[in-house]
Each structure stands twice: as structure tokens, then as C-alpha cells.
Protein backbone atom coordinates (compact mmCIF):
# COMPACT_ATOMS: atom_id res chain seq x y z
CA MET A 1 181.46 137.49 -24.71
CA ASN A 2 179.30 136.11 -22.53
CA GLY A 3 177.53 138.65 -20.07
CA ASP A 4 176.45 135.84 -17.51
CA GLY A 5 178.22 135.95 -13.91
CA TYR A 6 180.49 137.70 -11.92
CA ILE A 7 183.68 139.74 -11.13
CA LYS A 8 184.38 140.75 -7.96
CA LEU A 9 184.94 144.38 -7.68
CA TYR A 10 186.77 145.55 -4.08
CA ARG A 11 186.14 148.82 -2.76
CA GLN A 12 189.58 149.58 -1.87
CA ILE A 13 190.28 150.50 -5.45
CA TRP A 14 189.05 153.36 -4.99
CA GLU A 15 192.40 154.50 -2.97
CA ASN A 16 195.35 155.53 -4.15
CA HIS A 17 194.75 154.69 -7.61
CA TYR A 18 194.69 157.02 -10.21
CA LEU A 19 191.83 155.54 -12.18
CA TRP A 20 189.69 157.43 -9.98
CA ASP A 21 191.29 160.40 -9.95
CA ASP A 22 190.88 160.88 -14.05
CA LYS A 23 188.00 163.37 -13.69
CA PRO A 24 185.41 163.76 -15.46
CA PHE A 25 184.22 160.54 -15.39
CA THR A 26 182.42 158.35 -18.27
CA ARG A 27 178.50 157.75 -17.23
CA GLY A 28 179.36 153.40 -17.06
CA GLN A 29 182.31 154.73 -15.08
CA ALA A 30 179.24 156.81 -12.80
CA TRP A 31 177.50 154.46 -12.55
CA ILE A 32 179.80 151.38 -11.13
CA ASP A 33 181.17 154.05 -8.25
CA LEU A 34 177.25 154.36 -7.67
CA LEU A 35 177.37 149.95 -7.34
CA MET A 36 180.36 150.90 -4.46
CA LEU A 37 178.73 153.88 -2.85
CA MET A 38 175.30 151.68 -1.89
CA ASN A 39 175.72 150.75 1.85
CA HIS A 40 175.59 146.57 1.73
CA LYS A 41 173.80 145.94 4.60
CA ASP A 42 170.78 148.19 6.29
CA ALA A 43 172.17 150.81 8.52
CA PHE A 44 170.36 153.61 11.32
CA VAL A 45 171.80 157.15 10.24
CA ILE A 46 171.29 159.42 13.52
CA LYS A 47 172.07 162.74 12.21
CA TYR A 48 168.97 162.12 9.71
CA ARG A 49 166.94 159.46 11.87
CA MET A 50 166.09 156.70 9.25
CA THR A 51 167.13 153.14 8.58
CA VAL A 52 169.08 153.55 5.04
CA HIS A 53 168.25 150.38 4.02
CA ARG A 54 171.07 147.66 1.58
CA GLY A 55 170.91 149.42 -1.33
CA GLN A 56 170.88 152.83 -0.28
CA ARG A 57 172.70 155.76 0.01
CA ILE A 58 172.37 159.38 1.20
CA ILE A 59 174.40 161.55 -1.05
CA SER A 60 173.77 164.92 -2.56
CA ILE A 61 174.17 165.53 -5.69
CA ARG A 62 177.26 168.66 -5.64
CA GLN A 63 179.07 165.67 -3.63
CA LEU A 64 178.51 163.44 -6.42
CA SER A 65 178.88 166.27 -8.73
CA GLU A 66 182.07 166.82 -7.52
CA ARG A 67 183.75 162.35 -6.52
CA TRP A 68 182.50 163.03 -10.72
CA GLY A 69 183.85 165.90 -11.75
CA TRP A 70 180.29 166.80 -13.70
CA SER A 71 177.96 169.85 -12.73
CA ARG A 72 174.81 169.21 -10.95
CA THR A 73 172.67 169.92 -13.91
CA LYS A 74 174.70 166.65 -15.77
CA THR A 75 174.81 164.68 -12.71
CA SER A 76 170.79 165.36 -11.68
CA ASP A 77 170.60 164.67 -15.64
CA PHE A 78 172.30 161.16 -15.21
CA LEU A 79 170.13 160.19 -12.49
CA ASN A 80 166.82 160.78 -13.88
CA SER A 81 167.82 159.17 -16.98
CA LEU A 82 168.48 155.74 -14.37
CA GLN A 83 165.36 155.77 -12.85
CA SER A 84 163.56 156.62 -15.78
CA ALA A 85 165.48 153.25 -17.16
CA GLY A 86 164.15 151.35 -13.63
CA MET A 87 168.30 151.38 -12.73
CA ALA A 88 167.09 153.55 -10.35
CA LYS A 89 165.04 155.72 -8.39
CA PHE A 90 165.76 158.60 -5.78
CA GLU A 91 163.98 161.02 -4.03
CA SER A 92 165.79 164.40 -2.68
CA ASP A 93 164.76 166.99 0.04
CA THR A 94 166.64 170.28 1.19
CA LYS A 95 168.93 168.34 3.06
CA LYS A 96 169.83 164.99 1.17
CA THR A 97 168.90 163.13 -1.67
CA VAL A 98 168.65 159.05 -0.92
CA ILE A 99 169.66 157.12 -4.40
CA THR A 100 168.02 153.35 -4.55
CA ILE A 101 169.67 150.84 -6.60
CA ALA A 102 167.34 148.72 -8.01
CA ASN A 103 167.63 144.81 -7.83
CA TYR A 104 170.70 145.82 -6.48
CA ASP A 105 171.41 141.72 -5.36
CA PHE A 106 171.50 141.58 -8.78
CA PHE A 107 174.57 142.90 -8.83
CA GLN A 108 175.48 142.27 -5.58
CA ASP A 109 175.55 138.29 -4.56
CA VAL A 110 176.17 138.63 -0.74
CA LYS A 111 178.16 134.60 -2.05
CA ALA A 112 180.63 137.41 -4.54
CA THR A 113 180.87 140.01 -2.00
CA GLU A 114 183.45 138.29 -0.36
CA LYS A 115 187.10 140.27 0.63
CA PRO A 116 188.81 139.42 -1.70
CA PRO A 117 192.57 137.13 -1.44
CA LYS A 118 195.84 139.27 -1.34
CA SER A 119 197.38 136.60 -3.96
CA HIS A 120 196.58 133.89 -5.25
CA ARG A 121 198.93 131.84 -3.33
CA SER A 122 196.58 133.35 -0.43
CA ALA A 123 193.59 132.04 -2.29
CA THR A 124 195.04 128.32 -1.85
CA GLU A 125 196.42 127.69 0.94
CA VAL A 126 194.62 126.94 4.22
CA PRO A 127 196.38 129.11 6.87
CA ALA A 128 197.99 127.18 10.24
CA THR A 129 195.43 128.53 13.08
CA ASN A 130 196.64 128.59 16.36
CA LYS A 131 194.53 126.51 18.41
CA ASN A 132 194.24 129.18 21.01
CA GLU A 133 193.75 131.80 19.00
CA LYS A 134 190.92 130.42 17.48
CA ASN A 135 188.79 129.13 20.93
CA ASP A 136 189.48 133.16 21.80
CA LYS A 137 188.10 134.78 18.76
CA GLU A 138 184.83 131.71 18.74
CA LYS A 139 184.49 133.96 22.62
CA ARG A 140 184.38 137.56 20.97
CA ILE A 141 181.44 139.17 19.60
CA PRO A 142 181.58 138.52 16.16
CA LEU A 143 180.10 141.61 13.46
CA PRO A 144 177.47 141.60 11.89
CA LEU A 145 176.00 142.11 15.85
CA GLU A 146 171.99 140.12 15.05
CA ASN A 147 171.93 139.30 18.44
CA VAL A 148 173.61 142.20 20.56
CA PHE A 149 170.03 144.21 21.54
CA GLN A 150 168.00 140.47 22.99
CA GLY A 151 166.43 140.94 25.63
CA ARG A 152 167.57 144.99 25.78
CA ASP A 153 164.90 148.10 24.03
CA PHE A 154 166.95 150.48 23.19
CA PRO A 155 165.82 153.36 21.26
CA GLU A 156 166.82 152.58 17.94
CA PRO A 157 169.52 156.15 17.52
CA VAL A 158 171.63 154.82 20.44
CA LYS A 159 171.12 150.84 19.43
CA ALA A 160 173.41 152.55 16.47
CA ALA A 161 175.51 154.62 18.44
CA ILE A 162 176.17 150.55 19.77
CA THR A 163 176.18 149.13 16.69
CA ASP A 164 179.07 151.67 15.62
CA TRP A 165 180.69 151.70 18.88
CA LEU A 166 181.11 147.66 18.56
CA ARG A 167 182.85 148.34 15.23
CA TYR A 168 184.84 151.17 16.03
CA LYS A 169 186.36 148.70 18.93
CA ALA A 170 186.34 145.26 16.69
CA GLU A 171 188.63 147.88 14.48
CA LYS A 172 191.27 148.59 17.36
CA LYS A 173 191.23 145.06 17.81
CA GLN A 174 189.67 145.36 21.42
CA ASP A 175 186.52 143.81 20.56
CA TYR A 176 184.41 142.66 22.95
CA LYS A 177 183.94 139.51 24.42
CA PRO A 178 180.45 138.48 26.10
CA THR A 179 180.58 139.47 29.07
CA GLY A 180 182.39 143.01 29.05
CA LEU A 181 179.27 143.05 26.11
CA LYS A 182 176.73 142.68 28.81
CA SER A 183 178.39 145.17 31.00
CA LEU A 184 178.46 148.00 28.53
CA LEU A 185 175.06 147.46 28.21
CA THR A 186 173.93 147.78 31.51
CA GLU A 187 176.21 150.65 31.71
CA ILE A 188 174.79 152.71 28.47
CA ALA A 189 170.96 151.82 30.18
CA ASN A 190 172.09 152.57 33.20
CA ASN A 191 173.27 156.44 31.82
CA ILE A 192 170.46 156.76 29.76
CA ALA A 193 168.15 156.75 32.69
CA ARG A 194 170.42 159.34 34.41
CA TYR A 195 171.08 161.66 31.12
CA GLY A 196 168.84 160.46 28.95
CA ASP A 197 169.50 159.22 24.85
CA ASP A 198 170.20 162.16 23.44
CA ALA A 199 173.27 162.57 26.22
CA VAL A 200 174.29 158.80 25.57
CA VAL A 201 174.43 159.09 21.96
CA HIS A 202 176.82 161.80 22.24
CA ALA A 203 178.66 160.59 24.15
CA ILE A 204 179.54 157.66 22.28
CA ILE A 205 179.74 159.72 18.58
CA ILE A 206 182.43 162.39 20.38
CA THR A 207 184.50 159.80 22.41
CA MET A 208 184.78 158.03 18.66
CA ALA A 209 185.58 161.48 16.96
CA GLN A 210 188.52 161.88 19.54
CA ASN A 211 189.72 158.65 19.41
CA TRP A 212 189.11 157.54 23.35
CA GLN A 213 189.57 154.07 24.32
CA GLY A 214 186.34 154.12 26.57
CA ILE A 215 183.37 155.54 26.81
CA VAL A 216 183.18 159.31 28.26
CA TRP A 217 180.13 159.27 30.18
CA ASP A 218 180.82 162.94 31.39
CA LYS A 219 180.92 164.00 27.84
CA ALA A 220 176.92 162.70 28.48
CA LYS A 221 176.45 164.23 32.09
CA ASN A 222 177.38 168.02 30.38
CA TYR A 223 175.46 167.36 27.11
CA THR A 224 173.30 170.40 26.65
CA PRO A 225 170.39 169.62 24.48
CA PRO A 226 170.17 172.54 21.53
CA GLU A 227 167.55 174.89 22.44
CA SER A 228 163.98 174.86 20.72
CA PRO A 229 163.22 177.58 18.62
CA GLU A 230 160.85 180.22 20.05
CA PRO A 231 156.65 179.51 19.44
CA LYS A 232 155.64 182.21 16.50
CA LEU A 233 152.10 183.13 17.60
CA GLU A 234 149.42 184.49 15.42
CA PHE A 235 146.34 186.21 16.59
CA VAL A 236 143.17 184.91 15.27
CA GLN A 237 140.16 186.82 15.15
CA ASP A 238 136.81 185.27 15.74
CA GLY A 239 134.62 188.43 16.40
CA VAL A 240 134.28 192.19 18.04
CA ASP A 241 133.21 192.56 21.50
CA ASP A 242 130.65 196.08 22.87
CA ALA A 243 133.10 198.46 22.56
CA GLY A 244 134.08 197.50 18.97
CA ASN A 245 137.57 195.63 19.80
CA PRO A 246 138.45 192.13 17.99
CA THR A 247 138.17 189.15 20.13
CA GLY A 248 139.96 185.74 19.63
CA LYS A 249 143.09 184.37 20.31
CA TRP A 250 146.81 183.58 20.42
CA VAL A 251 147.65 180.73 18.76
CA ASN A 252 151.00 178.92 17.27
CA LYS A 253 151.96 179.70 13.54
């Protein structure tokens, strides 16, 4: 059998398909699952304040074990075997595991990742396009959003939140036209000046979580940042005085 070429493997096969409910996974099935889990483009993850690149994914050993029906030991051994074979690498700390697929583009060529047609007929027919509908789509802001932030000096967490917001609105078929987008970015900049970056990110995230139509800026106004822990002080002795009492200073531990 010739091993060259590609097949299109659509991520929706995860949804409502009995094959993916059958556990434990085989090692081959786990490998395919990993490939499908990876980010297909770079994204900033607000929770960890880091960029996860194309071909990477933040996920825990526990989550993978539950997906595959494996013990955590077996999952760790499998990842180690992939790393030894040069197929993937993973880095773990107390909060997360970052998995990187080696040569991700070899498995996921951009031309091979387009959404598959629903049927052979839809793949061979040229759909009729309403002229007004076409013009309206051309006026709207397309995804991906490469040029949205041109001329705007937003911090990375704010950019990530705005990008998520624009995708959220696009999914609701309420995506922005250029004038509306310009007004949105100006409004966000003004609220950053009033309330700060973290408050604006918080307001955008809460709005999406509640499935609201527009960003509720009261959530930024009423935002209370988490309290920093009290510093722990330690006395560092550097000598004694004439009475024999220790001398020194208190420093942060």
C-alpha cells in the first residue's frame, strides 16, 4: 500500500460517534486523537498568559487519561515513547502539560484541512450566490483577523480577548463591518484607560460566558482584582549591638 498523500479527517467525528466512546483507546487511536487536539494556529491563552503555537496544546495528563481510558502512568509512558521517537515532546509543571507535535505541518498541510463537503453532490456543484449577499460578506471582517490590531497598541491578553469576542460574534452571525469594528476597538481602548487591562478582559470573558449580545462594561467598572498575598518577612541578622542584642533588617522571604 502506498503511504503517500493525505486524507481529510474532520474533527466532528468526535461528536456523537460511538467509535470514540469505545475505551480504552489503542495507541494508534490515541496518536490520531493527539493530532486532532492540537491547535491549528497560534493562540494566546489568557489563563496561563502564554501563546500556544500551531501544533501545540495545553492539556493535563489527567485529562488525556480520562479521554483515552488509560491510567496516568500509561499515559505518561505513551508520551515519553512519542518523545523518544522524536514524534512529539511534552513539558509539564504543577498546573499544565504543553504537548508539541514534531513536524505538525507534515500531518496537517493547510490545503488538506479545509472543511469537507457534506456530500459528493455539494463538492461538485457550484452554488448560486446572491450578488447582494456576496457584497455584504465582502464588507464584513473575515477570520482569521490578521489586520484587526494595526495601529492599536493593545497588550497581548486584551488582543486575545478581542479575538475571542470577534469569533463569538461571528458564530452568532453578528460579525462586524469596518466602521463597527473601529468603534468597538475605540470603546475598548477608552475602557482600558478607565478601568485597566485586566478589568476589560474580565468584562469580555463574562459577557461571552453569559451569552450576552454586547460587552457589559459595568463588569469592568465593578471588577476587583484578586488580592496579592501578604509578603512574608524574615529577620536577617548581621551582628549584635553593645548590649548583645541582634541587629539586622527585615526582608521579604
